[in-house]
Amino acid sequence: MNFKPKIIGITGGISSGKSTVGRMLASLGAEYIDADEMCHKLFLKPELKDKITMRFGNSVLDTFGKIDRIRLAEIVFRDKTCLDDLCNILHPIVIAQIKAKIDEIEQRGRKRAIIIDAALLEESELSMICDFVVFVNTSKEHRIERCRISRRWADGELEKRERFQMVPGDKKKKADYVIDNNFTSDNTFRQVKEFWKLYIEEYKS
C-alpha cells in the first residue's frame, strides 16, 4: 500500500548541522531538498541578477559580472530592510520551486519522506506545509567554532546574522522533535534513526 510521503522541515540555528541531519535522513530513504542550493543556482539566472542589481547596485557583482554572495551578505546583514528586500526577491521563487519539487516526488511515489532544509523555514512559513518540524539543537559555542572553521567567519558574524532570524530557542519550542547535535556524528545518527522509526516507519495516519 502506498502512503503519501511525510514532509519534514529541518530547522535550527546557523551551523547547527541541519544539512548533516537532512542528509542522514536521506540516507534512510527520504528525498532531500536543499533550499540553500536552490538559492545559489538562482543567483546564476540573469533575470534574478537583474532584480538584485536593480535593488542593490553593481557593487554586488564580482569581476566576472556574477553576484558576489559575500558582498551581498555584507550589505543585507547590516540592514533589515535590505534583507527583507532580498527575501522578497528570492523567497517566492524558492518556495514555488520547493512546492514543485514536492509535487514531482509525490507523483513518482517512491519515497516515504521529503526533507526540506531551509534556513528560514519558520520565517518564510514553509513550516506550514510540513507534517513534522525537526529542530537540530547545537550549542552556540559549537556553532561559532563551526562557522570559524568551515565558513571562515570572523568573531561576531554569527550573532550579526542571527539577529535577523527567529531566536533558536523559539524555533525549538515550535518543533515537533529535537535532535541533539552536540556530540559525535554517530550519536546524532542514532537519534535520526529513532526519529525515522517513530515518525516515518510507524506513523501511518
N, C-alpha and C. Protein backbone atom coordinates (compact mmCIF):
# COMPACT_ATOMS: atom_id res chain seq x y z
N MET A 1 0.86 -1.20 0.00
CA MET A 1 0.00 0.00 0.00
C MET A 1 0.88 1.24 0.00
N ASN A 2 0.55 2.20 -0.86
CA ASN A 2 1.36 3.41 -0.96
C ASN A 2 0.86 4.47 0.02
N PHE A 3 1.80 5.14 0.66
CA PHE A 3 1.48 6.24 1.55
C PHE A 3 2.06 7.52 0.97
N LYS A 4 1.32 8.62 1.15
CA LYS A 4 1.84 9.91 0.73
C LYS A 4 3.06 10.23 1.58
N PRO A 5 4.17 10.65 0.95
CA PRO A 5 5.37 10.91 1.76
C PRO A 5 5.16 12.02 2.78
N LYS A 6 5.72 11.82 3.97
CA LYS A 6 5.66 12.84 5.00
C LYS A 6 6.68 13.94 4.69
N ILE A 7 6.30 15.17 4.92
CA ILE A 7 7.19 16.30 4.67
C ILE A 7 7.79 16.74 6.00
N ILE A 8 9.12 16.71 6.06
CA ILE A 8 9.84 17.02 7.29
C ILE A 8 10.68 18.28 7.08
N GLY A 9 10.43 19.29 7.87
CA GLY A 9 11.24 20.51 7.82
C GLY A 9 12.35 20.43 8.84
N ILE A 10 13.54 20.85 8.45
CA ILE A 10 14.69 20.86 9.36
C ILE A 10 14.97 22.32 9.74
N THR A 11 15.04 22.56 11.04
CA THR A 11 15.31 23.92 11.50
C THR A 11 16.37 23.90 12.60
N GLY A 12 16.87 25.09 12.92
CA GLY A 12 17.93 25.20 13.93
C GLY A 12 18.70 26.49 13.71
N GLY A 13 19.64 26.76 14.58
CA GLY A 13 20.46 27.95 14.43
C GLY A 13 21.47 27.80 13.29
N ILE A 14 22.16 28.88 12.97
CA ILE A 14 23.20 28.84 11.94
C ILE A 14 24.29 27.85 12.34
N SER A 15 24.70 27.00 11.39
CA SER A 15 25.76 26.00 11.61
C SER A 15 25.43 25.00 12.72
N SER A 16 24.14 24.70 12.86
CA SER A 16 23.74 23.72 13.87
C SER A 16 23.88 22.28 13.35
N GLY A 17 24.01 22.13 12.03
CA GLY A 17 24.11 20.80 11.45
C GLY A 17 22.84 20.35 10.76
N LYS A 18 22.04 21.31 10.28
CA LYS A 18 20.77 20.99 9.61
C LYS A 18 21.00 20.13 8.38
N SER A 19 22.00 20.51 7.58
CA SER A 19 22.28 19.74 6.36
C SER A 19 22.76 18.33 6.69
N THR A 20 23.55 18.22 7.75
CA THR A 20 24.03 16.90 8.18
C THR A 20 22.85 16.00 8.53
N VAL A 21 21.93 16.52 9.32
CA VAL A 21 20.76 15.74 9.71
C VAL A 21 19.89 15.43 8.50
N GLY A 22 19.75 16.41 7.61
CA GLY A 22 18.96 16.20 6.40
C GLY A 22 19.52 15.09 5.54
N ARG A 23 20.83 15.06 5.41
CA ARG A 23 21.47 14.01 4.59
C ARG A 23 21.41 12.65 5.29
N MET A 24 21.46 12.66 6.61
CA MET A 24 21.28 11.40 7.34
C MET A 24 19.89 10.82 7.07
N LEU A 25 18.88 11.68 7.08
CA LEU A 25 17.52 11.23 6.79
C LEU A 25 17.42 10.74 5.34
N ALA A 26 18.12 11.43 4.45
CA ALA A 26 18.12 10.99 3.05
C ALA A 26 18.73 9.61 2.91
N SER A 27 19.75 9.31 3.73
CA SER A 27 20.40 8.00 3.66
C SER A 27 19.47 6.88 4.11
N LEU A 28 18.41 7.25 4.85
CA LEU A 28 17.44 6.26 5.30
C LEU A 28 16.30 6.08 4.30
N GLY A 29 16.28 6.91 3.26
CA GLY A 29 15.28 6.74 2.21
C GLY A 29 14.44 7.96 1.90
N ALA A 30 14.76 9.10 2.50
CA ALA A 30 14.00 10.32 2.22
C ALA A 30 14.58 11.04 1.00
N GLU A 31 13.76 11.90 0.41
CA GLU A 31 14.23 12.80 -0.65
C GLU A 31 14.64 14.10 0.02
N TYR A 32 15.80 14.63 -0.34
CA TYR A 32 16.37 15.80 0.34
C TYR A 32 16.28 17.02 -0.57
N ILE A 33 15.61 18.08 -0.08
CA ILE A 33 15.52 19.34 -0.82
C ILE A 33 16.32 20.39 -0.07
N ASP A 34 17.33 20.93 -0.74
CA ASP A 34 18.24 21.90 -0.13
C ASP A 34 17.91 23.29 -0.67
N ALA A 35 17.23 24.10 0.15
CA ALA A 35 16.82 25.44 -0.29
C ALA A 35 18.01 26.34 -0.55
N ASP A 36 19.09 26.15 0.22
CA ASP A 36 20.29 26.97 0.04
C ASP A 36 20.91 26.72 -1.33
N GLU A 37 20.94 25.47 -1.73
CA GLU A 37 21.47 25.13 -3.05
C GLU A 37 20.61 25.73 -4.16
N MET A 38 19.29 25.73 -3.95
CA MET A 38 18.38 26.35 -4.91
C MET A 38 18.69 27.84 -5.07
N CYS A 39 18.94 28.51 -3.93
CA CYS A 39 19.26 29.94 -3.96
C CYS A 39 20.55 30.19 -4.73
N HIS A 40 21.56 29.36 -4.50
CA HIS A 40 22.84 29.51 -5.20
C HIS A 40 22.64 29.43 -6.71
N LYS A 41 21.79 28.50 -7.15
CA LYS A 41 21.54 28.35 -8.59
C LYS A 41 20.74 29.54 -9.14
N LEU A 42 19.85 30.07 -8.30
CA LEU A 42 19.06 31.23 -8.74
C LEU A 42 19.94 32.44 -9.01
N PHE A 43 21.00 32.59 -8.21
CA PHE A 43 21.90 33.73 -8.38
C PHE A 43 22.56 33.73 -9.76
N LEU A 44 22.58 32.58 -10.41
CA LEU A 44 23.20 32.47 -11.73
C LEU A 44 22.24 32.86 -12.85
N LYS A 45 20.96 33.00 -12.53
CA LYS A 45 19.96 33.32 -13.55
C LYS A 45 19.97 34.82 -13.85
N PRO A 46 20.06 35.20 -15.13
CA PRO A 46 20.13 36.63 -15.50
C PRO A 46 18.98 37.47 -14.95
N GLU A 47 17.76 36.91 -14.97
CA GLU A 47 16.62 37.70 -14.50
C GLU A 47 16.71 38.00 -13.01
N LEU A 48 17.27 37.05 -12.24
CA LEU A 48 17.46 37.29 -10.81
C LEU A 48 18.57 38.30 -10.58
N LYS A 49 19.66 38.15 -11.34
CA LYS A 49 20.78 39.09 -11.23
C LYS A 49 20.30 40.51 -11.51
N ASP A 50 19.45 40.66 -12.51
CA ASP A 50 18.94 41.99 -12.85
C ASP A 50 18.13 42.59 -11.70
N LYS A 51 17.29 41.77 -11.07
CA LYS A 51 16.47 42.27 -9.96
C LYS A 51 17.34 42.67 -8.77
N ILE A 52 18.37 41.86 -8.51
CA ILE A 52 19.24 42.13 -7.37
C ILE A 52 20.10 43.38 -7.61
N THR A 53 20.66 43.51 -8.80
CA THR A 53 21.48 44.70 -9.08
C THR A 53 20.62 45.96 -9.17
N MET A 54 19.38 45.79 -9.59
CA MET A 54 18.48 46.96 -9.63
C MET A 54 18.23 47.48 -8.21
N ARG A 55 18.17 46.54 -7.26
CA ARG A 55 17.92 46.94 -5.87
C ARG A 55 19.19 47.33 -5.14
N PHE A 56 20.30 46.60 -5.35
CA PHE A 56 21.49 46.80 -4.54
C PHE A 56 22.67 47.41 -5.29
N GLY A 57 22.54 47.58 -6.60
CA GLY A 57 23.60 48.20 -7.37
C GLY A 57 24.64 47.20 -7.87
N ASN A 58 25.51 47.67 -8.76
CA ASN A 58 26.53 46.79 -9.37
C ASN A 58 27.67 46.43 -8.42
N SER A 59 27.68 47.03 -7.23
CA SER A 59 28.75 46.72 -6.28
C SER A 59 28.65 45.28 -5.77
N VAL A 60 27.50 44.63 -5.99
CA VAL A 60 27.34 43.25 -5.54
C VAL A 60 27.82 42.25 -6.59
N LEU A 61 28.36 42.75 -7.72
CA LEU A 61 28.87 41.87 -8.76
C LEU A 61 30.37 41.66 -8.60
N ASP A 62 30.85 40.47 -8.97
CA ASP A 62 32.29 40.21 -8.94
C ASP A 62 32.92 40.62 -10.28
N THR A 63 34.18 40.33 -10.45
CA THR A 63 34.89 40.76 -11.66
C THR A 63 34.38 40.06 -12.92
N PHE A 64 33.63 38.96 -12.74
CA PHE A 64 33.08 38.23 -13.89
C PHE A 64 31.63 38.62 -14.16
N GLY A 65 31.12 39.60 -13.40
CA GLY A 65 29.76 40.05 -13.60
C GLY A 65 28.71 39.18 -12.95
N LYS A 66 29.14 38.29 -12.05
CA LYS A 66 28.20 37.43 -11.34
C LYS A 66 27.96 37.99 -9.93
N ILE A 67 26.83 37.55 -9.34
CA ILE A 67 26.52 38.00 -7.98
C ILE A 67 27.58 37.48 -7.02
N ASP A 68 28.18 38.40 -6.28
CA ASP A 68 29.15 38.04 -5.24
C ASP A 68 28.37 37.91 -3.93
N ARG A 69 28.13 36.67 -3.52
CA ARG A 69 27.26 36.45 -2.36
C ARG A 69 27.86 36.99 -1.06
N ILE A 70 29.18 37.05 -0.99
CA ILE A 70 29.82 37.60 0.21
C ILE A 70 29.55 39.10 0.31
N ARG A 71 29.71 39.81 -0.80
CA ARG A 71 29.42 41.26 -0.80
C ARG A 71 27.96 41.52 -0.51
N LEU A 72 27.10 40.71 -1.12
CA LEU A 72 25.65 40.88 -0.91
C LEU A 72 25.31 40.66 0.56
N ALA A 73 25.90 39.63 1.16
CA ALA A 73 25.64 39.34 2.58
C ALA A 73 26.10 40.50 3.46
N GLU A 74 27.22 41.10 3.13
CA GLU A 74 27.73 42.23 3.92
C GLU A 74 26.72 43.37 3.94
N ILE A 75 26.01 43.54 2.83
CA ILE A 75 25.01 44.62 2.74
C ILE A 75 23.75 44.26 3.51
N VAL A 76 23.19 43.07 3.23
CA VAL A 76 21.87 42.76 3.78
C VAL A 76 21.89 42.45 5.27
N PHE A 77 23.05 41.99 5.79
CA PHE A 77 23.10 41.70 7.22
C PHE A 77 23.53 42.90 8.05
N ARG A 78 23.51 44.07 7.41
CA ARG A 78 23.69 45.33 8.15
C ARG A 78 22.36 46.06 8.33
N ASP A 79 21.37 45.68 7.51
CA ASP A 79 20.14 46.46 7.46
C ASP A 79 18.97 45.52 7.19
N LYS A 80 18.02 45.48 8.14
CA LYS A 80 16.89 44.56 7.99
C LYS A 80 16.05 44.87 6.76
N THR A 81 15.94 46.13 6.41
CA THR A 81 15.17 46.50 5.21
C THR A 81 15.79 45.87 3.97
N CYS A 82 17.12 45.90 3.90
CA CYS A 82 17.83 45.29 2.76
C CYS A 82 17.61 43.78 2.74
N LEU A 83 17.68 43.16 3.92
CA LEU A 83 17.48 41.71 3.99
C LEU A 83 16.05 41.36 3.59
N ASP A 84 15.09 42.14 4.06
CA ASP A 84 13.69 41.89 3.69
C ASP A 84 13.50 42.02 2.18
N ASP A 85 14.16 43.01 1.58
CA ASP A 85 14.04 43.21 0.13
C ASP A 85 14.62 42.02 -0.63
N LEU A 86 15.76 41.50 -0.17
CA LEU A 86 16.37 40.33 -0.82
C LEU A 86 15.45 39.11 -0.66
N CYS A 87 14.90 38.93 0.54
CA CYS A 87 13.99 37.80 0.78
C CYS A 87 12.75 37.91 -0.10
N ASN A 88 12.26 39.12 -0.29
CA ASN A 88 11.09 39.32 -1.15
C ASN A 88 11.38 38.97 -2.60
N ILE A 89 12.64 39.10 -3.01
CA ILE A 89 13.03 38.71 -4.36
C ILE A 89 13.18 37.19 -4.47
N LEU A 90 13.84 36.60 -3.47
CA LEU A 90 14.20 35.18 -3.54
C LEU A 90 13.10 34.22 -3.08
N HIS A 91 12.47 34.54 -1.96
CA HIS A 91 11.58 33.57 -1.33
C HIS A 91 10.43 33.07 -2.20
N PRO A 92 9.71 33.96 -2.90
CA PRO A 92 8.59 33.44 -3.71
C PRO A 92 9.05 32.41 -4.75
N ILE A 93 10.23 32.63 -5.33
CA ILE A 93 10.73 31.72 -6.36
C ILE A 93 11.17 30.41 -5.72
N VAL A 94 11.90 30.49 -4.61
CA VAL A 94 12.39 29.28 -3.94
C VAL A 94 11.22 28.45 -3.42
N ILE A 95 10.25 29.10 -2.81
CA ILE A 95 9.09 28.38 -2.28
C ILE A 95 8.33 27.68 -3.40
N ALA A 96 8.16 28.38 -4.53
CA ALA A 96 7.48 27.78 -5.69
C ALA A 96 8.26 26.56 -6.20
N GLN A 97 9.60 26.67 -6.22
CA GLN A 97 10.43 25.55 -6.67
C GLN A 97 10.33 24.36 -5.71
N ILE A 98 10.32 24.65 -4.41
CA ILE A 98 10.21 23.58 -3.41
C ILE A 98 8.87 22.85 -3.56
N LYS A 99 7.78 23.62 -3.72
CA LYS A 99 6.46 23.01 -3.86
C LYS A 99 6.37 22.18 -5.14
N ALA A 100 6.99 22.68 -6.22
CA ALA A 100 7.00 21.94 -7.48
C ALA A 100 7.79 20.64 -7.33
N LYS A 101 8.90 20.72 -6.59
CA LYS A 101 9.72 19.52 -6.35
C LYS A 101 8.95 18.50 -5.52
N ILE A 102 8.23 18.97 -4.53
CA ILE A 102 7.42 18.07 -3.70
C ILE A 102 6.37 17.36 -4.55
N ASP A 103 5.70 18.12 -5.42
CA ASP A 103 4.69 17.52 -6.32
C ASP A 103 5.31 16.44 -7.19
N GLU A 104 6.49 16.75 -7.71
CA GLU A 104 7.20 15.79 -8.58
C GLU A 104 7.53 14.51 -7.82
N ILE A 105 8.02 14.65 -6.59
CA ILE A 105 8.39 13.48 -5.78
C ILE A 105 7.15 12.66 -5.43
N GLU A 106 6.06 13.36 -5.08
CA GLU A 106 4.82 12.66 -4.73
C GLU A 106 4.27 11.87 -5.91
N GLN A 107 4.39 12.44 -7.11
CA GLN A 107 3.89 11.75 -8.30
C GLN A 107 4.70 10.49 -8.60
N ARG A 108 6.01 10.55 -8.32
CA ARG A 108 6.84 9.36 -8.54
C ARG A 108 6.47 8.27 -7.54
N GLY A 109 6.10 8.70 -6.32
CA GLY A 109 5.57 7.78 -5.32
C GLY A 109 6.51 6.75 -4.77
N ARG A 110 7.80 7.03 -4.75
CA ARG A 110 8.74 6.02 -4.28
C ARG A 110 9.42 6.38 -2.96
N LYS A 111 9.11 7.54 -2.39
CA LYS A 111 9.78 7.98 -1.17
C LYS A 111 8.81 8.01 0.01
N ARG A 112 9.31 7.61 1.18
CA ARG A 112 8.50 7.65 2.40
C ARG A 112 8.44 9.04 3.00
N ALA A 113 9.47 9.86 2.71
CA ALA A 113 9.52 11.19 3.32
C ALA A 113 10.28 12.16 2.42
N ILE A 114 9.97 13.44 2.60
CA ILE A 114 10.64 14.52 1.87
C ILE A 114 11.20 15.49 2.90
N ILE A 115 12.49 15.79 2.80
CA ILE A 115 13.16 16.69 3.73
C ILE A 115 13.28 18.08 3.11
N ILE A 116 12.86 19.10 3.84
CA ILE A 116 13.09 20.49 3.42
C ILE A 116 14.12 21.10 4.36
N ASP A 117 15.29 21.39 3.82
CA ASP A 117 16.36 22.04 4.58
C ASP A 117 16.40 23.49 4.14
N ALA A 118 15.78 24.36 4.93
CA ALA A 118 15.70 25.79 4.59
C ALA A 118 16.04 26.61 5.82
N ALA A 119 17.03 27.50 5.69
CA ALA A 119 17.48 28.29 6.84
C ALA A 119 16.33 29.07 7.48
N LEU A 120 15.44 29.62 6.65
CA LEU A 120 14.34 30.44 7.14
C LEU A 120 13.01 29.68 7.04
N LEU A 121 13.03 28.43 7.50
CA LEU A 121 11.84 27.57 7.41
C LEU A 121 10.64 28.23 8.09
N GLU A 122 10.84 28.73 9.31
CA GLU A 122 9.74 29.35 10.04
C GLU A 122 9.43 30.74 9.49
N GLU A 123 10.48 31.51 9.21
CA GLU A 123 10.29 32.89 8.77
C GLU A 123 9.58 32.98 7.43
N SER A 124 9.83 31.99 6.55
CA SER A 124 9.20 32.00 5.22
C SER A 124 7.88 31.25 5.23
N GLU A 125 7.48 30.72 6.38
CA GLU A 125 6.25 29.97 6.57
C GLU A 125 6.23 28.64 5.81
N LEU A 126 7.41 28.17 5.39
CA LEU A 126 7.49 26.85 4.78
C LEU A 126 7.09 25.76 5.78
N SER A 127 7.24 26.08 7.06
CA SER A 127 6.88 25.10 8.09
C SER A 127 5.40 24.72 8.00
N MET A 128 4.59 25.60 7.39
CA MET A 128 3.15 25.36 7.30
C MET A 128 2.83 24.16 6.42
N ILE A 129 3.73 23.82 5.49
CA ILE A 129 3.44 22.69 4.60
C ILE A 129 4.10 21.40 5.12
N CYS A 130 4.76 21.48 6.28
CA CYS A 130 5.46 20.31 6.83
C CYS A 130 4.53 19.50 7.73
N ASP A 131 4.68 18.18 7.66
CA ASP A 131 3.98 17.31 8.60
C ASP A 131 4.67 17.33 9.96
N PHE A 132 6.01 17.41 9.93
CA PHE A 132 6.81 17.46 11.16
C PHE A 132 7.94 18.46 10.96
N VAL A 133 8.31 19.13 12.04
CA VAL A 133 9.48 20.01 12.04
C VAL A 133 10.48 19.47 13.06
N VAL A 134 11.72 19.26 12.59
CA VAL A 134 12.79 18.75 13.45
C VAL A 134 13.76 19.90 13.75
N PHE A 135 14.02 20.13 15.02
CA PHE A 135 14.98 21.16 15.42
C PHE A 135 16.32 20.50 15.74
N VAL A 136 17.39 20.99 15.13
CA VAL A 136 18.73 20.48 15.40
C VAL A 136 19.35 21.35 16.48
N ASN A 137 19.51 20.77 17.65
CA ASN A 137 19.96 21.52 18.82
C ASN A 137 21.49 21.43 18.97
N THR A 138 22.15 22.56 18.82
CA THR A 138 23.61 22.62 18.93
C THR A 138 23.98 23.87 19.71
N SER A 139 24.89 23.76 20.64
CA SER A 139 25.25 24.90 21.48
C SER A 139 25.84 26.03 20.63
N LYS A 140 25.68 27.24 21.15
CA LYS A 140 26.21 28.40 20.44
C LYS A 140 27.73 28.30 20.29
N GLU A 141 28.40 27.78 21.30
CA GLU A 141 29.86 27.64 21.24
C GLU A 141 30.28 26.73 20.08
N HIS A 142 29.59 25.60 19.94
CA HIS A 142 29.89 24.69 18.84
C HIS A 142 29.61 25.34 17.49
N ARG A 143 28.51 26.08 17.42
CA ARG A 143 28.13 26.71 16.15
C ARG A 143 29.12 27.80 15.74
N ILE A 144 29.57 28.57 16.72
CA ILE A 144 30.57 29.61 16.44
C ILE A 144 31.86 28.98 15.93
N GLU A 145 32.28 27.88 16.57
CA GLU A 145 33.50 27.20 16.16
C GLU A 145 33.37 26.64 14.74
N ARG A 146 32.21 26.07 14.43
CA ARG A 146 31.99 25.54 13.08
C ARG A 146 32.02 26.66 12.04
N CYS A 147 31.43 27.79 12.36
CA CYS A 147 31.45 28.94 11.44
C CYS A 147 32.87 29.43 11.22
N ARG A 148 33.66 29.43 12.28
CA ARG A 148 35.04 29.90 12.17
C ARG A 148 35.85 28.98 11.26
N ILE A 149 35.62 27.65 11.39
CA ILE A 149 36.42 26.69 10.63
C ILE A 149 35.90 26.51 9.20
N SER A 150 34.60 26.21 9.07
CA SER A 150 34.07 25.87 7.74
C SER A 150 33.71 27.08 6.89
N ARG A 151 33.26 28.15 7.52
CA ARG A 151 32.85 29.34 6.76
C ARG A 151 33.87 30.47 6.83
N ARG A 152 34.83 30.29 7.74
CA ARG A 152 35.87 31.31 7.95
C ARG A 152 35.27 32.67 8.33
N TRP A 153 34.24 32.60 9.15
CA TRP A 153 33.60 33.82 9.61
C TRP A 153 34.40 34.44 10.75
N ALA A 154 34.41 35.76 10.79
CA ALA A 154 35.08 36.48 11.87
C ALA A 154 34.22 36.42 13.13
N ASP A 155 34.84 36.73 14.26
CA ASP A 155 34.10 36.78 15.52
C ASP A 155 32.94 37.76 15.40
N GLY A 156 31.79 37.35 15.89
CA GLY A 156 30.62 38.23 15.88
C GLY A 156 29.74 38.09 14.65
N GLU A 157 30.22 37.40 13.62
CA GLU A 157 29.44 37.29 12.38
C GLU A 157 28.17 36.47 12.59
N LEU A 158 28.28 35.36 13.33
CA LEU A 158 27.09 34.53 13.57
C LEU A 158 26.02 35.35 14.30
N GLU A 159 26.44 36.06 15.34
CA GLU A 159 25.47 36.86 16.10
C GLU A 159 24.84 37.94 15.22
N LYS A 160 25.65 38.54 14.36
CA LYS A 160 25.15 39.61 13.48
C LYS A 160 24.04 39.08 12.57
N ARG A 161 24.25 37.86 12.05
CA ARG A 161 23.27 37.29 11.12
C ARG A 161 22.04 36.76 11.85
N GLU A 162 22.25 36.19 13.03
CA GLU A 162 21.11 35.62 13.75
C GLU A 162 20.19 36.68 14.33
N ARG A 163 20.65 37.91 14.38
CA ARG A 163 19.77 39.00 14.83
C ARG A 163 18.54 39.12 13.93
N PHE A 164 18.69 38.67 12.66
CA PHE A 164 17.62 38.82 11.68
C PHE A 164 16.78 37.55 11.53
N GLN A 165 17.04 36.55 12.36
CA GLN A 165 16.29 35.31 12.30
C GLN A 165 15.51 35.10 13.59
N MET A 166 14.55 34.18 13.54
CA MET A 166 13.86 33.81 14.76
C MET A 166 14.87 33.23 15.75
N VAL A 167 14.72 33.56 17.02
CA VAL A 167 15.64 33.07 18.05
C VAL A 167 15.60 31.54 18.07
N PRO A 168 16.80 30.88 18.08
CA PRO A 168 16.81 29.41 18.07
C PRO A 168 15.91 28.77 19.13
N GLY A 169 15.86 29.39 20.32
CA GLY A 169 15.01 28.84 21.38
C GLY A 169 13.54 28.83 21.00
N ASP A 170 13.11 29.86 20.25
CA ASP A 170 11.71 29.91 19.80
C ASP A 170 11.46 28.86 18.72
N LYS A 171 12.46 28.64 17.85
CA LYS A 171 12.33 27.58 16.84
C LYS A 171 12.19 26.22 17.51
N LYS A 172 12.98 26.04 18.56
CA LYS A 172 12.95 24.76 19.29
C LYS A 172 11.57 24.50 19.89
N LYS A 173 10.96 25.55 20.45
CA LYS A 173 9.63 25.40 21.06
C LYS A 173 8.57 25.02 20.03
N LYS A 174 8.74 25.50 18.80
CA LYS A 174 7.75 25.24 17.76
C LYS A 174 7.93 23.88 17.09
N ALA A 175 9.08 23.24 17.32
CA ALA A 175 9.40 21.99 16.63
C ALA A 175 8.62 20.81 17.23
N ASP A 176 8.48 19.77 16.41
CA ASP A 176 7.83 18.53 16.85
C ASP A 176 8.83 17.56 17.46
N TYR A 177 10.09 17.73 17.11
CA TYR A 177 11.11 16.76 17.55
C TYR A 177 12.45 17.49 17.62
N VAL A 178 13.27 17.13 18.60
CA VAL A 178 14.58 17.77 18.79
C VAL A 178 15.67 16.72 18.68
N ILE A 179 16.68 17.01 17.86
CA ILE A 179 17.86 16.14 17.75
C ILE A 179 19.06 16.90 18.30
N ASP A 180 19.74 16.30 19.26
CA ASP A 180 20.91 16.91 19.89
C ASP A 180 22.15 16.61 19.04
N ASN A 181 22.74 17.68 18.51
CA ASN A 181 23.91 17.52 17.64
C ASN A 181 25.17 18.08 18.31
N ASN A 182 25.27 17.92 19.63
CA ASN A 182 26.41 18.46 20.36
C ASN A 182 27.56 17.46 20.52
N PHE A 183 27.30 16.22 20.13
CA PHE A 183 28.31 15.19 20.40
C PHE A 183 28.81 14.58 19.09
N THR A 184 28.96 13.28 19.02
CA THR A 184 29.53 12.64 17.83
C THR A 184 28.48 12.49 16.74
N SER A 185 28.95 12.30 15.50
CA SER A 185 28.03 12.07 14.39
C SER A 185 27.27 10.76 14.59
N ASP A 186 27.92 9.77 15.21
CA ASP A 186 27.24 8.50 15.50
C ASP A 186 26.08 8.72 16.46
N ASN A 187 26.30 9.56 17.45
CA ASN A 187 25.23 9.87 18.41
C ASN A 187 24.07 10.57 17.72
N THR A 188 24.39 11.51 16.82
CA THR A 188 23.35 12.22 16.07
C THR A 188 22.58 11.25 15.18
N PHE A 189 23.31 10.37 14.48
CA PHE A 189 22.67 9.44 13.56
C PHE A 189 21.74 8.47 14.31
N ARG A 190 22.14 8.09 15.52
CA ARG A 190 21.29 7.22 16.33
C ARG A 190 19.94 7.90 16.59
N GLN A 191 19.97 9.19 16.91
CA GLN A 191 18.74 9.94 17.15
C GLN A 191 17.91 10.09 15.87
N VAL A 192 18.61 10.31 14.75
CA VAL A 192 17.92 10.43 13.45
C VAL A 192 17.17 9.13 13.14
N LYS A 193 17.82 8.00 13.40
CA LYS A 193 17.19 6.70 13.14
C LYS A 193 16.00 6.48 14.07
N GLU A 194 16.11 6.96 15.31
CA GLU A 194 14.99 6.85 16.24
C GLU A 194 13.80 7.67 15.74
N PHE A 195 14.09 8.89 15.27
CA PHE A 195 13.03 9.73 14.70
C PHE A 195 12.38 9.04 13.51
N TRP A 196 13.22 8.50 12.62
CA TRP A 196 12.72 7.84 11.41
C TRP A 196 11.79 6.68 11.75
N LYS A 197 12.20 5.89 12.71
CA LYS A 197 11.39 4.73 13.10
C LYS A 197 10.05 5.17 13.68
N LEU A 198 10.08 6.20 14.53
CA LEU A 198 8.87 6.65 15.21
C LEU A 198 7.92 7.41 14.30
N TYR A 199 8.46 8.31 13.47
CA TYR A 199 7.62 9.22 12.71
C TYR A 199 7.38 8.78 11.26
N ILE A 200 8.23 7.95 10.72
CA ILE A 200 8.08 7.54 9.32
C ILE A 200 7.68 6.08 9.20
N GLU A 201 8.44 5.19 9.80
CA GLU A 201 8.16 3.76 9.66
C GLU A 201 6.86 3.36 10.38
N GLU A 202 6.62 3.97 11.54
CA GLU A 202 5.46 3.55 12.34
C GLU A 202 4.27 4.50 12.24
N TYR A 203 4.50 5.68 11.67
CA TYR A 203 3.42 6.69 11.59
C TYR A 203 2.65 6.48 10.29
N LYS A 204 1.39 6.15 10.36
CA LYS A 204 0.62 5.82 9.15
C LYS A 204 -0.52 6.78 8.86
N SER A 205 -0.94 7.56 9.85
CA SER A 205 -2.11 8.40 9.63
C SER A 205 -1.77 9.71 8.97
